[in-house]
C-alpha atoms as a PDB file:
ATOM      1  CA  UNK A   1      82.110 116.556  41.739  1.00  0.00           C
ATOM      2  CA  UNK A   2      79.160 118.677  42.054  1.00  0.00           C
ATOM      3  CA  UNK A   3      77.525 116.880  44.710  1.00  0.00           C
ATOM      4  CA  UNK A   4      80.855 116.694  46.732  1.00  0.00           C
ATOM      5  CA  UNK A   5      81.246 120.430  46.452  1.00  0.00           C
ATOM      6  CA  UNK A   6      77.854 121.168  47.387  1.00  0.00           C
ATOM      7  CA  UNK A   7      78.588 118.566  50.563  1.00  0.00           C
ATOM      8  CA  UNK A   8      81.405 120.985  51.478  1.00  0.00           C
ATOM      9  CA  UNK A   9      79.662 123.887  50.704  1.00  0.00           C
ATOM     10  CA  UNK A  10      76.994 123.189  53.022  1.00  0.00           C
ATOM     11  CA  UNK A  11      79.592 121.631  55.975  1.00  0.00           C
ATOM     12  CA  UNK A  12      81.849 124.772  55.505  1.00  0.00           C
ATOM     13  CA  UNK A  13      78.320 126.810  55.913  1.00  0.00           C
ATOM     14  CA  UNK A  14      77.918 124.529  59.390  1.00  0.00           C
ATOM     15  CA  UNK A  15      81.488 125.775  60.553  1.00  0.00           C
ATOM     16  CA  UNK A  16      80.392 129.062  59.825  1.00  0.00           C
ATOM     17  CA  UNK A  17      77.250 129.740  61.323  1.00  0.00           C
ATOM     18  CA  UNK A  18      78.786 128.115  64.587  1.00  0.00           C
ATOM     19  CA  UNK A  19      80.789 131.076  64.729  1.00  0.00           C
ATOM     20  CA  UNK A  20      77.817 133.363  64.460  1.00  0.00           C
ATOM     21  CA  UNK A  21      74.866 131.781  65.928  1.00  0.00           C
ATOM     22  CA  UNK A  22      76.660 131.459  69.894  1.00  0.00           C
ATOM     23  CA  UNK A  23      73.289 128.657  70.616  1.00  0.00           C
ATOM     24  CA  UNK A  24      75.191 126.181  68.191  1.00  0.00           C
ATOM     25  CA  UNK A  25      77.961 124.100  68.565  1.00  0.00           C
ATOM     26  CA  UNK A  26      80.055 121.450  66.345  1.00  0.00           C
ATOM     27  CA  UNK A  27      83.443 119.990  67.612  1.00  0.00           C
ATOM     28  CA  UNK A  28      84.839 119.798  63.967  1.00  0.00           C
ATOM     29  CA  UNK A  29      84.665 119.658  60.637  1.00  0.00           C
ATOM     30  CA  UNK A  30      84.005 116.213  60.609  1.00  0.00           C
ATOM     31  CA  UNK A  31      81.213 116.659  62.494  1.00  0.00           C
ATOM     32  CA  UNK A  32      80.647 119.428  60.061  1.00  0.00           C
ATOM     33  CA  UNK A  33      80.271 116.914  56.989  1.00  0.00           C
ATOM     34  CA  UNK A  34      78.390 114.279  59.040  1.00  0.00           C
ATOM     35  CA  UNK A  35      75.798 116.829  60.185  1.00  0.00           C
ATOM     36  CA  UNK A  36      75.615 118.396  56.383  1.00  0.00           C
ATOM     37  CA  UNK A  37      75.530 115.169  55.149  1.00  0.00           C
ATOM     38  CA  UNK A  38      72.524 113.679  57.597  1.00  0.00           C
ATOM     39  CA  UNK A  39      70.526 117.195  57.197  1.00  0.00           C
ATOM     40  CA  UNK A  40      70.425 116.463  52.966  1.00  0.00           C
ATOM     41  CA  UNK A  41      68.780 113.117  53.680  1.00  0.00           C
ATOM     42  CA  UNK A  42      66.243 114.781  56.201  1.00  0.00           C
ATOM     43  CA  UNK A  43      65.573 117.966  53.780  1.00  0.00           C
ATOM     44  CA  UNK A  44      65.642 114.917  50.748  1.00  0.00           C
ATOM     45  CA  UNK A  45      63.502 112.113  52.021  1.00  0.00           C
ATOM     46  CA  UNK A  46      61.493 114.009  55.345  1.00  0.00           C
ATOM     47  CA  UNK A  47      61.043 117.297  54.355  1.00  0.00           C
ATOM     48  CA  UNK A  48      58.624 116.774  50.910  1.00  0.00           C
ATOM     49  CA  UNK A  49      56.592 114.381  53.840  1.00  0.00           C
ATOM     50  CA  UNK A  50      55.810 117.210  56.216  1.00  0.00           C
ATOM     51  CA  UNK A  51      55.165 119.640  54.112  1.00  0.00           C
ATOM     52  CA  UNK A  52      52.687 117.672  52.126  1.00  0.00           C
ATOM     53  CA  UNK A  53      51.289 116.801  56.056  1.00  0.00           C
ATOM     54  CA  UNK A  54      51.468 120.207  57.070  1.00  0.00           C
ATOM     55  CA  UNK A  55      49.606 122.161  53.921  1.00  0.00           C
ATOM     56  CA  UNK A  56      46.637 123.754  55.995  1.00  0.00           C
ATOM     57  CA  UNK A  57      48.873 124.839  58.648  1.00  0.00           C
ATOM     58  CA  UNK A  58      51.126 126.221  55.290  1.00  0.00           C
ATOM     59  CA  UNK A  59      48.487 127.706  53.922  1.00  0.00           C
ATOM     60  CA  UNK A  60      47.004 129.581  56.462  1.00  0.00           C
ATOM     61  CA  UNK A  61      50.376 131.201  57.720  1.00  0.00           C
ATOM     62  CA  UNK A  62      51.227 132.112  54.610  1.00  0.00           C
ATOM     63  CA  UNK A  63      54.179 129.564  54.039  1.00  0.00           C
ATOM     64  CA  UNK A  64      55.801 130.849  57.300  1.00  0.00           C
ATOM     65  CA  UNK A  65      55.017 127.207  59.244  1.00  0.00           C
ATOM     66  CA  UNK A  66      58.203 126.093  57.013  1.00  0.00           C
ATOM     67  CA  UNK A  67      60.384 127.896  59.381  1.00  0.00           C
ATOM     68  CA  UNK A  68      59.154 125.727  62.241  1.00  0.00           C
ATOM     69  CA  UNK A  69      59.818 122.723  59.497  1.00  0.00           C
ATOM     70  CA  UNK A  70      63.349 123.575  58.989  1.00  0.00           C
ATOM     71  CA  UNK A  71      63.936 124.099  62.515  1.00  0.00           C
ATOM     72  CA  UNK A  72      62.310 120.875  63.611  1.00  0.00           C
ATOM     73  CA  UNK A  73      64.653 119.194  61.116  1.00  0.00           C
ATOM     74  CA  UNK A  74      67.700 121.149  61.939  1.00  0.00           C
ATOM     75  CA  UNK A  75      66.920 120.830  65.634  1.00  0.00           C
ATOM     76  CA  UNK A  76      66.292 116.598  65.090  1.00  0.00           C
ATOM     77  CA  UNK A  77      69.383 116.350  62.868  1.00  0.00           C
ATOM     78  CA  UNK A  78      71.282 117.954  66.021  1.00  0.00           C
ATOM     79  CA  UNK A  79      70.005 115.328  68.273  1.00  0.00           C
ATOM     80  CA  UNK A  80      71.472 112.557  66.673  1.00  0.00           C
ATOM     81  CA  UNK A  81      74.909 113.787  65.576  1.00  0.00           C
ATOM     82  CA  UNK A  82      77.159 113.741  68.624  1.00  0.00           C
ATOM     83  CA  UNK A  83      79.782 116.935  68.612  1.00  0.00           C
ATOM     84  CA  UNK A  84      76.836 118.638  66.796  1.00  0.00           C
ATOM     85  CA  UNK A  85      74.363 120.847  69.532  1.00  0.00           C
ATOM     86  CA  UNK A  86      71.655 123.074  69.461  1.00  0.00           C
ATOM     87  CA  UNK A  87      70.844 124.885  72.811  1.00  0.00           C
ATOM     88  CA  UNK A  88      66.929 125.231  72.191  1.00  0.00           C
ATOM     89  CA  UNK A  89      64.165 124.514  69.263  1.00  0.00           C
ATOM     90  CA  UNK A  90      64.028 128.532  69.052  1.00  0.00           C
ATOM     91  CA  UNK A  91      67.469 128.504  68.203  1.00  0.00           C
ATOM     92  CA  UNK A  92      67.146 125.893  65.938  1.00  0.00           C
ATOM     93  CA  UNK A  93      65.194 127.782  64.095  1.00  0.00           C
ATOM     94  CA  UNK A  94      67.171 130.884  63.678  1.00  0.00           C
ATOM     95  CA  UNK A  95      69.898 128.441  62.852  1.00  0.00           C
ATOM     96  CA  UNK A  96      68.322 126.652  59.690  1.00  0.00           C
ATOM     97  CA  UNK A  97      67.685 130.316  58.708  1.00  0.00           C
ATOM     98  CA  UNK A  98      71.229 131.193  58.541  1.00  0.00           C
ATOM     99  CA  UNK A  99      72.798 128.106  57.724  1.00  0.00           C
ATOM    100  CA  UNK A 100      70.552 128.420  54.485  1.00  0.00           C
ATOM    101  CA  UNK A 101      71.159 131.918  53.636  1.00  0.00           C
ATOM    102  CA  UNK A 102      75.270 131.121  53.987  1.00  0.00           C
ATOM    103  CA  UNK A 103      74.676 128.117  52.516  1.00  0.00           C
ATOM    104  CA  UNK A 104      72.639 129.435  49.515  1.00  0.00           C
ATOM    105  CA  UNK A 105      75.562 132.997  49.001  1.00  0.00           C
ATOM    106  CA  UNK A 106      78.561 130.625  49.398  1.00  0.00           C
ATOM    107  CA  UNK A 107      76.945 128.122  46.360  1.00  0.00           C
ATOM    108  CA  UNK A 108      76.700 131.408  44.324  1.00  0.00           C
ATOM    109  CA  UNK A 109      79.541 132.790  44.891  1.00  0.00           C
ATOM    110  CA  UNK A 110      81.381 129.127  43.948  1.00  0.00           C
ATOM    111  CA  UNK A 111      79.408 127.839  41.554  1.00  0.00           C
ATOM    112  CA  UNK A 112      78.619 131.363  39.500  1.00  0.00           C
ATOM    113  CA  UNK A 113      80.386 130.997  36.101  1.00  0.00           C
ATOM    114  CA  UNK A 114      82.392 134.000  34.376  1.00  0.00           C
END
């Protein structure tokens, strides 16, 4: 149940992202669900490998290169999914950062126990 809740939170975060960042477009909630699933799989499978391969660059930039990796994975997922579009790589980096903030905030509010 918690996995489905997290998936729905991420899909809703993507829908909210389209209102905040005009260069990112999603055609509907079904597309947002697919995009959230693909983003989750990319972040679970490919991101750790990329972080390991770029460790020297990450150390030199004090971890700021992680924003580039997050943007690249966000942009890559938009290239795979029809109905999910990002105008440029720069907007993908902005979108990835805003998406993670929205998702974190909503998760904090929803899963918070009294």
